[in-house]
Amino acid sequence: MPTEPSRCPCCDRLVAASSCPDCGHCWHASQAISPATNYTEKSGRNAMPPRFLQRKLAERTTAIAPRLRRGARVLEVGCAEGDLARSLKSSTHLEYWGIEPSRDAQVACAVLDKVLPDIRAIPATTPQFDCILSFHVLEHVRDLADELTQWHRLLAPDGWVMVEVPCRSGHTDLETDRNPEHLHQFSPASLTLRLERSGFDVLSLTRGHFESPVYNDSLRAPRPVAPRRRCDRRACCSASRR
């Protein structure tokens, strides 16, 4: 039976299979896994030998810490047990929130100021965040457009995002990512296009970042990914004449 055509979740091209010849994105056609239900009973999501965990945390802390001002509001989507938060808060006073649907949220609560199971649980009245961090989360998300819409809603006008995902399989020696929890395999083009289509400006993209021995080749937007804000010319011009 022929496969029903579907649209690429990153560039929106209509394709006959769950891979896009234009942007190189691959995805599960059914996208049946729901992180909100699949991860609820899991724990130890960040478990790995200490030397690998410290390598990952040190590299991320070095990349993020210089960009954080004292008192900044930070949201980490997929905070696990709160190891990155602990590292960043050790040197700078931050208001640090996290999103974590698994049981690791119970551990993270001791480190972060607030931990919620779903990003949609953040009230509309909550002050916007100066920074949103997301490491190895988007590949788990069924509806990328909706997830990134939430980021845009929660980010301050001058805020920035740092996002990291596996590059294709996530490993330099593997062609396919065999993790059944991963709904997406991003290429540099597909990650850029998805972020751009969601209203973010990707200032640069790098690869080869270490997540674990299994995922040693990750894509990252390492500079701030700033939200685009449409300028109302009349309002701007009026303000400039005051």
C-alpha atoms as a PDB file:
ATOM      1  CA  MET A   1       0.000   0.000   0.000  1.00  0.00           C
ATOM      2  CA  PRO A   2       1.518   3.388  -0.969  1.00  0.00           C
ATOM      3  CA  THR A   3       2.456   5.778   1.812  1.00  0.00           C
ATOM      4  CA  GLU A   4       0.185   8.772   2.273  1.00  0.00           C
ATOM      5  CA  PRO A   5       1.929  12.062   1.407  1.00  0.00           C
ATOM      6  CA  SER A   6       2.898  14.174   4.417  1.00  0.00           C
ATOM      7  CA  ARG A   7       4.463  17.555   4.976  1.00  0.00           C
ATOM      8  CA  CYS A   8       7.985  17.985   6.254  1.00  0.00           C
ATOM      9  CA  PRO A   9       7.734  19.412   9.785  1.00  0.00           C
ATOM     10  CA  CYS A  10      10.692  21.694   9.079  1.00  0.00           C
ATOM     11  CA  CYS A  11      10.348  23.074   5.528  1.00  0.00           C
ATOM     12  CA  ASP A  12       6.684  22.135   4.871  1.00  0.00           C
ATOM     13  CA  ARG A  13       7.384  20.374   1.595  1.00  0.00           C
ATOM     14  CA  LEU A  14       4.807  17.723   0.637  1.00  0.00           C
ATOM     15  CA  VAL A  15       6.655  14.408   0.369  1.00  0.00           C
ATOM     16  CA  ALA A  16       5.708  10.795  -0.227  1.00  0.00           C
ATOM     17  CA  ALA A  17       7.821   9.426   2.634  1.00  0.00           C
ATOM     18  CA  SER A  18       8.929  10.496   6.104  1.00  0.00           C
ATOM     19  CA  SER A  19      12.142  12.051   4.819  1.00  0.00           C
ATOM     20  CA  CYS A  20      12.574  15.317   2.972  1.00  0.00           C
ATOM     21  CA  PRO A  21      14.840  15.558  -0.112  1.00  0.00           C
ATOM     22  CA  ASP A  22      14.979  19.343   0.224  1.00  0.00           C
ATOM     23  CA  CYS A  23      16.129  19.966   3.805  1.00  0.00           C
ATOM     24  CA  GLY A  24      17.261  16.436   4.741  1.00  0.00           C
ATOM     25  CA  HIS A  25      14.916  16.088   7.693  1.00  0.00           C
ATOM     26  CA  CYS A  26      13.683  12.616   8.714  1.00  0.00           C
ATOM     27  CA  TRP A  27      10.824  11.847  11.062  1.00  0.00           C
ATOM     28  CA  HIS A  28       8.563   9.065  12.262  1.00  0.00           C
ATOM     29  CA  ALA A  29       5.483   9.095  10.059  1.00  0.00           C
ATOM     30  CA  SER A  30       3.166   8.134  12.934  1.00  0.00           C
ATOM     31  CA  GLN A  31       4.841  10.416  15.503  1.00  0.00           C
ATOM     32  CA  ALA A  32       2.844   8.414  18.021  1.00  0.00           C
ATOM     33  CA  ILE A  33       5.078   8.931  21.054  1.00  0.00           C
ATOM     34  CA  SER A  34       3.890  11.617  23.440  1.00  0.00           C
ATOM     35  CA  PRO A  35       6.617  12.880  25.800  1.00  0.00           C
ATOM     36  CA  ALA A  36       4.004  14.007  28.299  1.00  0.00           C
ATOM     37  CA  THR A  37       2.904  10.401  28.862  1.00  0.00           C
ATOM     38  CA  ASN A  38       5.958   8.437  27.794  1.00  0.00           C
ATOM     39  CA  TYR A  39       8.398  10.025  30.266  1.00  0.00           C
ATOM     40  CA  THR A  40       6.202  10.400  33.335  1.00  0.00           C
ATOM     41  CA  GLU A  41       7.411   7.225  35.034  1.00  0.00           C
ATOM     42  CA  LYS A  42      11.044   7.452  33.939  1.00  0.00           C
ATOM     43  CA  SER A  43      14.030   8.687  35.923  1.00  0.00           C
ATOM     44  CA  GLY A  44      17.779   9.037  35.583  1.00  0.00           C
ATOM     45  CA  ARG A  45      17.452  10.649  32.174  1.00  0.00           C
ATOM     46  CA  ASN A  46      20.890  12.200  32.483  1.00  0.00           C
ATOM     47  CA  ALA A  47      22.636   9.133  33.900  1.00  0.00           C
ATOM     48  CA  MET A  48      26.095   8.442  32.473  1.00  0.00           C
ATOM     49  CA  PRO A  49      29.644   7.918  33.785  1.00  0.00           C
ATOM     50  CA  PRO A  50      30.791  11.029  35.715  1.00  0.00           C
ATOM     51  CA  ARG A  51      33.624  11.848  33.301  1.00  0.00           C
ATOM     52  CA  PHE A  52      31.181  12.127  30.401  1.00  0.00           C
ATOM     53  CA  LEU A  53      28.676  14.157  32.399  1.00  0.00           C
ATOM     54  CA  GLN A  54      31.373  16.585  33.548  1.00  0.00           C
ATOM     55  CA  ARG A  55      32.686  16.938  30.004  1.00  0.00           C
ATOM     56  CA  LYS A  56      29.234  17.851  28.735  1.00  0.00           C
ATOM     57  CA  LEU A  57      28.420  20.231  31.584  1.00  0.00           C
ATOM     58  CA  ALA A  58      31.770  22.022  31.408  1.00  0.00           C
ATOM     59  CA  GLU A  59      31.415  22.671  27.695  1.00  0.00           C
ATOM     60  CA  ARG A  60      27.856  23.928  28.001  1.00  0.00           C
ATOM     61  CA  THR A  61      28.604  26.091  31.022  1.00  0.00           C
ATOM     62  CA  THR A  62      31.530  27.701  29.198  1.00  0.00           C
ATOM     63  CA  ALA A  63      29.272  28.480  26.238  1.00  0.00           C
ATOM     64  CA  ILE A  64      26.366  29.866  28.269  1.00  0.00           C
ATOM     65  CA  ALA A  65      27.702  31.539  31.436  1.00  0.00           C
ATOM     66  CA  PRO A  66      29.386  34.586  29.801  1.00  0.00           C
ATOM     67  CA  ARG A  67      26.051  35.563  28.238  1.00  0.00           C
ATOM     68  CA  LEU A  68      24.065  35.539  31.472  1.00  0.00           C
ATOM     69  CA  ARG A  69      23.745  38.717  33.492  1.00  0.00           C
ATOM     70  CA  ARG A  70      23.169  38.609  37.223  1.00  0.00           C
ATOM     71  CA  GLY A  71      19.494  38.109  38.035  1.00  0.00           C
ATOM     72  CA  ALA A  72      18.577  36.863  34.558  1.00  0.00           C
ATOM     73  CA  ARG A  73      15.472  34.719  34.171  1.00  0.00           C
ATOM     74  CA  VAL A  74      16.375  31.384  32.572  1.00  0.00           C
ATOM     75  CA  LEU A  75      14.079  28.620  31.320  1.00  0.00           C
ATOM     76  CA  GLU A  76      15.600  25.211  30.564  1.00  0.00           C
ATOM     77  CA  VAL A  77      13.319  22.966  28.539  1.00  0.00           C
ATOM     78  CA  GLY A  78      14.261  19.430  29.544  1.00  0.00           C
ATOM     79  CA  CYS A  79      16.218  20.205  32.726  1.00  0.00           C
ATOM     80  CA  ALA A  80      16.524  16.523  33.830  1.00  0.00           C
ATOM     81  CA  GLU A  81      17.991  16.382  37.363  1.00  0.00           C
ATOM     82  CA  GLY A  82      19.119  20.018  37.233  1.00  0.00           C
ATOM     83  CA  ASP A  83      22.856  19.481  36.673  1.00  0.00           C
ATOM     84  CA  LEU A  84      23.252  22.351  34.196  1.00  0.00           C
ATOM     85  CA  ALA A  85      21.238  24.662  36.432  1.00  0.00           C
ATOM     86  CA  ARG A  86      23.472  23.806  39.379  1.00  0.00           C
ATOM     87  CA  SER A  87      26.577  24.576  37.329  1.00  0.00           C
ATOM     88  CA  LEU A  88      25.284  27.918  36.026  1.00  0.00           C
ATOM     89  CA  LYS A  89      23.828  29.052  39.348  1.00  0.00           C
ATOM     90  CA  SER A  90      27.081  28.318  41.167  1.00  0.00           C
ATOM     91  CA  SER A  91      28.720  31.402  39.646  1.00  0.00           C
ATOM     92  CA  THR A  92      25.794  33.754  38.898  1.00  0.00           C
ATOM     93  CA  HIS A  93      22.570  34.613  40.698  1.00  0.00           C
ATOM     94  CA  LEU A  94      19.777  33.489  38.364  1.00  0.00           C
ATOM     95  CA  GLU A  95      16.049  32.875  38.508  1.00  0.00           C
ATOM     96  CA  TYR A  96      16.045  29.444  36.919  1.00  0.00           C
ATOM     97  CA  TRP A  97      12.922  27.586  35.819  1.00  0.00           C
ATOM     98  CA  GLY A  98      12.771  24.155  34.210  1.00  0.00           C
ATOM     99  CA  ILE A  99      10.461  21.922  32.229  1.00  0.00           C
ATOM    100  CA  GLU A 100      10.796  18.219  33.037  1.00  0.00           C
ATOM    101  CA  PRO A 101       8.008  15.611  32.624  1.00  0.00           C
ATOM    102  CA  SER A 102       9.955  12.680  34.100  1.00  0.00           C
ATOM    103  CA  ARG A 103      10.519  11.771  37.747  1.00  0.00           C
ATOM    104  CA  ASP A 104      13.825  13.623  37.550  1.00  0.00           C
ATOM    105  CA  ALA A 105      11.764  16.749  38.222  1.00  0.00           C
ATOM    106  CA  GLN A 106      11.670  15.724  41.891  1.00  0.00           C
ATOM    107  CA  VAL A 107      15.471  15.980  42.040  1.00  0.00           C
ATOM    108  CA  ALA A 108      15.582  19.161  39.968  1.00  0.00           C
ATOM    109  CA  CYS A 109      13.222  20.933  42.373  1.00  0.00           C
ATOM    110  CA  ALA A 110      16.032  21.088  44.930  1.00  0.00           C
ATOM    111  CA  VAL A 111      18.174  23.108  42.514  1.00  0.00           C
ATOM    112  CA  LEU A 112      15.820  25.154  40.346  1.00  0.00           C
ATOM    113  CA  ASP A 113      13.423  27.868  41.467  1.00  0.00           C
ATOM    114  CA  LYS A 114      10.476  26.185  39.769  1.00  0.00           C
ATOM    115  CA  VAL A 115       9.993  22.975  37.770  1.00  0.00           C
ATOM    116  CA  LEU A 116       6.888  22.226  35.707  1.00  0.00           C
ATOM    117  CA  PRO A 117       5.953  19.097  33.723  1.00  0.00           C
ATOM    118  CA  ASP A 118       4.903  20.926  30.563  1.00  0.00           C
ATOM    119  CA  ILE A 119       5.781  24.262  28.994  1.00  0.00           C
ATOM    120  CA  ARG A 120       2.091  25.017  28.474  1.00  0.00           C
ATOM    121  CA  ALA A 121       1.664  24.993  32.255  1.00  0.00           C
ATOM    122  CA  ILE A 122       3.557  28.298  32.535  1.00  0.00           C
ATOM    123  CA  PRO A 123       0.876  30.957  33.187  1.00  0.00           C
ATOM    124  CA  ALA A 124       0.431  33.720  30.638  1.00  0.00           C
ATOM    125  CA  THR A 125       1.036  36.257  33.419  1.00  0.00           C
ATOM    126  CA  THR A 126       4.555  34.935  34.118  1.00  0.00           C
ATOM    127  CA  PRO A 127       7.282  37.478  33.279  1.00  0.00           C
ATOM    128  CA  GLN A 128       9.107  36.581  30.089  1.00  0.00           C
ATOM    129  CA  PHE A 129      12.483  34.852  30.185  1.00  0.00           C
ATOM    130  CA  ASP A 130      15.815  36.359  29.195  1.00  0.00           C
ATOM    131  CA  CYS A 131      17.109  33.014  27.995  1.00  0.00           C
ATOM    132  CA  ILE A 132      15.655  29.664  26.937  1.00  0.00           C
ATOM    133  CA  LEU A 133      17.963  26.633  26.880  1.00  0.00           C
ATOM    134  CA  SER A 134      17.117  23.338  25.205  1.00  0.00           C
ATOM    135  CA  PHE A 135      19.559  20.454  24.881  1.00  0.00           C
ATOM    136  CA  HIS A 136      18.427  17.273  23.127  1.00  0.00           C
ATOM    137  CA  VAL A 137      14.714  17.933  23.487  1.00  0.00           C
ATOM    138  CA  LEU A 138      13.313  18.882  20.078  1.00  0.00           C
ATOM    139  CA  GLU A 139      14.007  15.441  18.629  1.00  0.00           C
ATOM    140  CA  HIS A 140      11.468  14.097  21.179  1.00  0.00           C
ATOM    141  CA  VAL A 141       8.729  16.619  20.384  1.00  0.00           C
ATOM    142  CA  ARG A 142       5.818  15.593  18.186  1.00  0.00           C
ATOM    143  CA  ASP A 143       4.641  19.076  17.164  1.00  0.00           C
ATOM    144  CA  LEU A 144       7.724  21.219  16.581  1.00  0.00           C
ATOM    145  CA  ALA A 145       5.774  24.269  15.405  1.00  0.00           C
ATOM    146  CA  ASP A 146       3.628  24.332  18.543  1.00  0.00           C
ATOM    147  CA  GLU A 147       6.631  23.828  20.849  1.00  0.00           C
ATOM    148  CA  LEU A 148       8.553  26.699  19.273  1.00  0.00           C
ATOM    149  CA  THR A 149       5.476  28.915  19.411  1.00  0.00           C
ATOM    150  CA  GLN A 150       5.541  28.442  23.184  1.00  0.00           C
ATOM    151  CA  TRP A 151       9.214  29.456  23.277  1.00  0.00           C
ATOM    152  CA  HIS A 152       8.453  32.587  21.307  1.00  0.00           C
ATOM    153  CA  ARG A 153       5.614  33.443  23.691  1.00  0.00           C
ATOM    154  CA  LEU A 154       7.798  33.085  26.765  1.00  0.00           C
ATOM    155  CA  LEU A 155      10.935  34.847  25.493  1.00  0.00           C
ATOM    156  CA  ALA A 156      11.574  38.519  26.245  1.00  0.00           C
ATOM    157  CA  PRO A 157      11.930  40.861  23.228  1.00  0.00           C
ATOM    158  CA  ASP A 158      15.698  41.046  23.727  1.00  0.00           C
ATOM    159  CA  GLY A 159      16.026  37.432  24.890  1.00  0.00           C
ATOM    160  CA  TRP A 160      17.949  34.601  23.276  1.00  0.00           C
ATOM    161  CA  VAL A 161      17.767  30.872  22.802  1.00  0.00           C
ATOM    162  CA  MET A 162      20.410  28.156  22.740  1.00  0.00           C
ATOM    163  CA  VAL A 163      19.222  24.897  21.215  1.00  0.00           C
ATOM    164  CA  GLU A 164      21.067  21.618  20.586  1.00  0.00           C
ATOM    165  CA  VAL A 165      19.883  18.436  18.856  1.00  0.00           C
ATOM    166  CA  PRO A 166      21.597  15.351  17.406  1.00  0.00           C
ATOM    167  CA  CYS A 167      22.934  15.932  13.907  1.00  0.00           C
ATOM    168  CA  ARG A 168      21.169  13.307  11.784  1.00  0.00           C
ATOM    169  CA  SER A 169      21.908  10.044  13.655  1.00  0.00           C
ATOM    170  CA  GLY A 170      23.821  11.919  16.338  1.00  0.00           C
ATOM    171  CA  HIS A 171      26.969   9.830  15.880  1.00  0.00           C
ATOM    172  CA  THR A 172      29.744  10.237  13.336  1.00  0.00           C
ATOM    173  CA  ASP A 173      29.842   6.501  12.572  1.00  0.00           C
ATOM    174  CA  LEU A 174      26.105   5.760  12.405  1.00  0.00           C
ATOM    175  CA  GLU A 175      23.673   6.454   9.591  1.00  0.00           C
ATOM    176  CA  THR A 176      20.467   6.070  11.589  1.00  0.00           C
ATOM    177  CA  ASP A 177      19.401   7.049  15.076  1.00  0.00           C
ATOM    178  CA  ARG A 178      17.871   3.904  16.581  1.00  0.00           C
ATOM    179  CA  ASN A 179      16.457   5.565  19.695  1.00  0.00           C
ATOM    180  CA  PRO A 180      12.684   4.926  19.492  1.00  0.00           C
ATOM    181  CA  GLU A 181      12.005   8.046  21.576  1.00  0.00           C
ATOM    182  CA  HIS A 182      13.472  10.292  18.881  1.00  0.00           C
ATOM    183  CA  LEU A 183      10.756  11.399  16.481  1.00  0.00           C
ATOM    184  CA  HIS A 184      13.064  13.593  14.390  1.00  0.00           C
ATOM    185  CA  GLN A 185      16.503  13.455  12.812  1.00  0.00           C
ATOM    186  CA  PHE A 186      17.652  16.996  12.076  1.00  0.00           C
ATOM    187  CA  SER A 187      20.065  18.162   9.433  1.00  0.00           C
ATOM    188  CA  PRO A 188      21.743  21.596   9.638  1.00  0.00           C
ATOM    189  CA  ALA A 189      19.287  22.821   7.007  1.00  0.00           C
ATOM    190  CA  SER A 190      16.172  21.403   8.654  1.00  0.00           C
ATOM    191  CA  LEU A 191      16.978  22.803  12.116  1.00  0.00           C
ATOM    192  CA  THR A 192      17.698  26.227  10.634  1.00  0.00           C
ATOM    193  CA  LEU A 193      14.516  26.213   8.556  1.00  0.00           C
ATOM    194  CA  ARG A 194      12.321  25.097  11.445  1.00  0.00           C
ATOM    195  CA  LEU A 195      13.664  27.828  13.722  1.00  0.00           C
ATOM    196  CA  GLU A 196      13.394  30.467  10.988  1.00  0.00           C
ATOM    197  CA  ARG A 197       9.810  29.444  10.177  1.00  0.00           C
ATOM    198  CA  SER A 198       8.976  29.809  13.879  1.00  0.00           C
ATOM    199  CA  GLY A 199      10.184  33.400  13.929  1.00  0.00           C
ATOM    200  CA  PHE A 200      13.759  33.004  15.181  1.00  0.00           C
ATOM    201  CA  ASP A 201      16.880  34.334  13.510  1.00  0.00           C
ATOM    202  CA  VAL A 202      19.605  31.679  13.444  1.00  0.00           C
ATOM    203  CA  LEU A 203      22.798  33.691  13.643  1.00  0.00           C
ATOM    204  CA  SER A 204      25.083  30.668  13.303  1.00  0.00           C
ATOM    205  CA  LEU A 205      25.088  26.896  13.577  1.00  0.00           C
ATOM    206  CA  THR A 206      27.855  24.510  14.652  1.00  0.00           C
ATOM    207  CA  ARG A 207      28.121  20.728  14.921  1.00  0.00           C
ATOM    208  CA  GLY A 208      30.294  18.137  16.641  1.00  0.00           C
ATOM    209  CA  HIS A 209      29.069  18.895  20.178  1.00  0.00           C
ATOM    210  CA  PHE A 210      29.208  16.085  22.734  1.00  0.00           C
ATOM    211  CA  GLU A 211      26.071  14.873  24.477  1.00  0.00           C
ATOM    212  CA  SER A 212      27.192  11.329  25.287  1.00  0.00           C
ATOM    213  CA  PRO A 213      29.322   8.571  23.745  1.00  0.00           C
ATOM    214  CA  VAL A 214      26.254   7.556  21.723  1.00  0.00           C
ATOM    215  CA  TYR A 215      25.497  11.135  20.640  1.00  0.00           C
ATOM    216  CA  ASN A 216      28.877  12.656  19.936  1.00  0.00           C
ATOM    217  CA  ASP A 217      27.804  14.768  16.946  1.00  0.00           C
ATOM    218  CA  SER A 218      25.234  17.399  17.858  1.00  0.00           C
ATOM    219  CA  LEU A 219      24.028  20.540  16.130  1.00  0.00           C
ATOM    220  CA  ARG A 220      23.884  23.757  18.129  1.00  0.00           C
ATOM    221  CA  ALA A 221      22.831  27.320  17.555  1.00  0.00           C
ATOM    222  CA  PRO A 222      25.707  28.614  19.721  1.00  0.00           C
ATOM    223  CA  ARG A 223      25.068  32.321  19.464  1.00  0.00           C
ATOM    224  CA  PRO A 224      21.829  33.899  20.625  1.00  0.00           C
ATOM    225  CA  VAL A 225      18.853  32.938  18.481  1.00  0.00           C
ATOM    226  CA  ALA A 226      16.933  36.180  18.722  1.00  0.00           C
ATOM    227  CA  PRO A 227      13.177  36.374  18.180  1.00  0.00           C
ATOM    228  CA  ARG A 228      12.076  38.454  15.241  1.00  0.00           C
ATOM    229  CA  ARG A 229       9.826  41.337  16.226  1.00  0.00           C
ATOM    230  CA  ARG A 230       7.913  43.079  13.474  1.00  0.00           C
ATOM    231  CA  CYS A 231       8.348  46.803  13.746  1.00  0.00           C
ATOM    232  CA  ASP A 232       5.251  48.996  13.480  1.00  0.00           C
ATOM    233  CA  ARG A 233       6.677  51.916  11.495  1.00  0.00           C
ATOM    234  CA  ARG A 234       4.059  54.386  12.615  1.00  0.00           C
ATOM    235  CA  ALA A 235       4.568  53.542  16.284  1.00  0.00           C
ATOM    236  CA  CYS A 236       8.371  53.653  15.930  1.00  0.00           C
ATOM    237  CA  CYS A 237       8.340  56.925  14.070  1.00  0.00           C
ATOM    238  CA  SER A 238       5.879  58.432  16.512  1.00  0.00           C
ATOM    239  CA  ALA A 239       8.047  57.396  19.457  1.00  0.00           C
ATOM    240  CA  SER A 240      11.175  58.832  17.856  1.00  0.00           C
ATOM    241  CA  ARG A 241       9.539  62.258  17.499  1.00  0.00           C
ATOM    242  CA  ARG A 242       8.620  62.486  21.184  1.00  0.00           C
END
